[in-house]
Amino acid sequence: MSDLLMRLRRSGWRLTAQRRVVAEVLDRDHVHLTAQEVHSRAVERLPEISRATVYNILGELVDRGELLEVSTDERAKRYDPNAHRPHHHLTCVRCGEMRDVPATDDLLARLPEPQRDGYTLFAADLTYRGICPDCAR
């Protein structure tokens, strides 16, 4: 479970009704939703929220570093509220569902110095690909 709402409240970001609903949608399940999925769930709570408003709020949250925008293929981008904890991703190659996997080791340490080609490393991403239980049925 993310702590997105708590982080936003502590940061002093003005939580309008629209911003609060989008944050609540992202704070619930720890599945990485597309903008369309966020909008669909937000409309259930606040019927008058527009798609443009949802896209704008998602962009603001990404710019603030409170959401990660992730994509592992040509599919729609997904939004990850777990922006402040090291983790990897588990993705279904059929439906595109994406979930977090806790980081168990330091991927940066795995790449030996000779293979870094002079790069100064600051991040590494790992994505596990497979078929989710729903798609496997």
Protein backbone atom coordinates (compact mmCIF):
# COMPACT_ATOMS: atom_id res chain seq x y z
CA MET A 1 0.00 0.00 0.00
CA SER A 2 1.37 3.39 -0.90
CA ASP A 3 1.40 6.39 1.37
CA LEU A 4 0.57 8.88 -1.39
CA LEU A 5 -2.24 10.71 0.44
CA MET A 6 -0.14 11.10 3.56
CA ARG A 7 2.80 12.46 1.54
CA LEU A 8 0.56 14.94 -0.28
CA ARG A 9 -1.01 16.20 2.95
CA ARG A 10 2.42 16.64 4.56
CA SER A 11 3.75 18.51 1.53
CA GLY A 12 1.00 21.10 1.77
CA TRP A 13 -0.30 20.40 -1.75
CA ARG A 14 -3.81 21.82 -1.91
CA LEU A 15 -6.10 18.80 -2.03
CA THR A 16 -9.08 19.91 -4.08
CA ALA A 17 -11.91 17.40 -4.44
CA GLN A 18 -10.51 16.29 -7.81
CA ARG A 19 -6.93 15.91 -6.56
CA ARG A 20 -8.11 14.03 -3.46
CA VAL A 21 -10.17 11.57 -5.53
CA VAL A 22 -7.30 10.86 -7.94
CA ALA A 23 -4.91 10.36 -5.00
CA GLU A 24 -7.40 8.06 -3.26
CA VAL A 25 -7.80 5.96 -6.42
CA LEU A 26 -4.02 5.58 -6.66
CA ASP A 27 -3.61 4.98 -2.93
CA ARG A 28 -6.05 2.06 -2.74
CA ASP A 29 -4.81 -1.02 -4.55
CA HIS A 30 -1.16 -1.26 -5.32
CA VAL A 31 -1.78 -2.00 -8.95
CA HIS A 32 -0.36 0.43 -11.46
CA LEU A 33 -3.29 1.95 -13.31
CA THR A 34 -3.44 3.65 -16.70
CA ALA A 35 -4.81 7.19 -16.90
CA GLN A 36 -8.05 5.78 -18.33
CA GLU A 37 -8.37 3.35 -15.41
CA VAL A 38 -7.71 6.17 -12.94
CA HIS A 39 -10.40 8.26 -14.65
CA SER A 40 -12.92 5.38 -14.63
CA ARG A 41 -12.42 4.79 -10.91
CA ALA A 42 -12.43 8.51 -10.11
CA VAL A 43 -15.76 9.01 -11.92
CA GLU A 44 -17.32 6.42 -9.61
CA ARG A 45 -16.46 8.69 -6.66
CA LEU A 46 -16.79 12.09 -8.31
CA PRO A 47 -19.00 11.82 -11.45
CA GLU A 48 -18.20 15.32 -12.72
CA ILE A 49 -14.40 14.81 -12.91
CA SER A 50 -13.19 15.14 -16.50
CA ARG A 51 -10.61 13.04 -18.26
CA ALA A 52 -8.49 16.17 -18.87
CA THR A 53 -8.51 16.97 -15.15
CA VAL A 54 -7.32 13.44 -14.33
CA TYR A 55 -4.52 13.67 -16.92
CA ASN A 56 -3.47 17.08 -15.58
CA ILE A 57 -3.41 15.83 -11.97
CA LEU A 58 -1.39 12.76 -12.97
CA GLY A 59 1.10 15.04 -14.74
CA GLU A 60 1.37 17.28 -11.68
CA LEU A 61 2.00 14.29 -9.43
CA VAL A 62 4.70 12.96 -11.76
CA ASP A 63 6.33 16.43 -11.91
CA ARG A 64 6.26 16.60 -8.08
CA GLY A 65 7.99 13.19 -7.88
CA GLU A 66 4.97 11.65 -6.12
CA LEU A 67 4.15 9.22 -8.94
CA LEU A 68 6.33 7.26 -11.30
CA GLU A 69 5.25 6.96 -14.90
CA VAL A 70 6.11 3.42 -16.00
CA SER A 71 5.81 1.53 -19.25
CA THR A 72 7.36 -1.75 -20.27
CA ASP A 73 6.17 -1.92 -23.87
CA GLU A 74 4.09 0.03 -26.39
CA ARG A 75 1.05 -0.06 -24.11
CA ALA A 76 -0.35 2.91 -22.21
CA LYS A 77 1.75 4.37 -19.45
CA ARG A 78 0.90 3.30 -15.94
CA TYR A 79 1.18 5.30 -12.75
CA ASP A 80 3.06 3.99 -9.72
CA PRO A 81 2.37 5.68 -6.37
CA ASN A 82 5.25 3.83 -4.75
CA ALA A 83 7.70 6.53 -5.81
CA HIS A 84 9.86 6.63 -2.69
CA ARG A 85 10.68 2.97 -2.00
CA PRO A 86 13.07 0.82 -4.03
CA HIS A 87 11.16 -1.88 -5.89
CA HIS A 88 10.90 -3.80 -9.14
CA HIS A 89 7.89 -4.61 -11.29
CA LEU A 90 5.94 -7.72 -12.20
CA THR A 91 4.06 -7.35 -15.47
CA CYS A 92 1.55 -9.50 -17.37
CA VAL A 93 2.49 -9.74 -21.04
CA ARG A 94 -1.14 -10.32 -22.03
CA CYS A 95 -3.18 -7.65 -20.22
CA GLY A 96 -0.39 -5.28 -19.12
CA GLU A 97 -1.23 -5.41 -15.39
CA MET A 98 1.73 -4.27 -13.34
CA ARG A 99 2.51 -4.78 -9.66
CA ASP A 100 5.38 -3.95 -7.34
CA VAL A 101 7.95 -6.46 -6.17
CA PRO A 102 10.08 -5.46 -3.15
CA ALA A 103 13.75 -4.99 -3.98
CA THR A 104 15.81 -7.69 -2.30
CA ASP A 105 19.26 -6.60 -3.41
CA ASP A 106 21.16 -3.71 -4.97
CA LEU A 107 21.04 -4.06 -8.76
CA LEU A 108 23.60 -1.29 -9.18
CA ALA A 109 26.16 -3.38 -7.32
CA ARG A 110 25.58 -6.26 -9.75
CA LEU A 111 27.04 -4.41 -12.73
CA PRO A 112 30.82 -4.71 -12.52
CA GLU A 113 32.86 -1.52 -13.00
CA PRO A 114 34.38 -2.66 -16.34
CA GLN A 115 30.88 -3.07 -17.82
CA ARG A 116 29.72 0.43 -16.78
CA ASP A 117 31.63 2.13 -19.64
CA GLY A 118 32.39 5.13 -17.44
CA TYR A 119 28.74 5.74 -16.53
CA THR A 120 27.91 7.08 -13.09
CA LEU A 121 24.98 4.90 -12.09
CA PHE A 122 22.11 6.15 -9.95
CA ALA A 123 19.22 3.76 -10.72
CA ALA A 124 18.41 0.33 -12.09
CA ASP A 125 15.03 -1.09 -13.08
CA LEU A 126 14.06 -4.73 -13.18
CA THR A 127 10.83 -5.99 -14.72
CA TYR A 128 9.64 -9.56 -14.33
CA ARG A 129 7.35 -10.62 -17.19
CA GLY A 130 4.81 -13.40 -17.10
CA ILE A 131 1.12 -14.16 -17.28
CA CYS A 132 -1.16 -13.06 -14.44
CA PRO A 133 -3.63 -15.48 -12.84
CA ASP A 134 -6.63 -13.89 -14.61
CA CYS A 135 -5.04 -14.24 -18.05
CA ALA A 136 -3.86 -17.78 -17.31
CA ARG A 137 -7.46 -18.99 -16.87
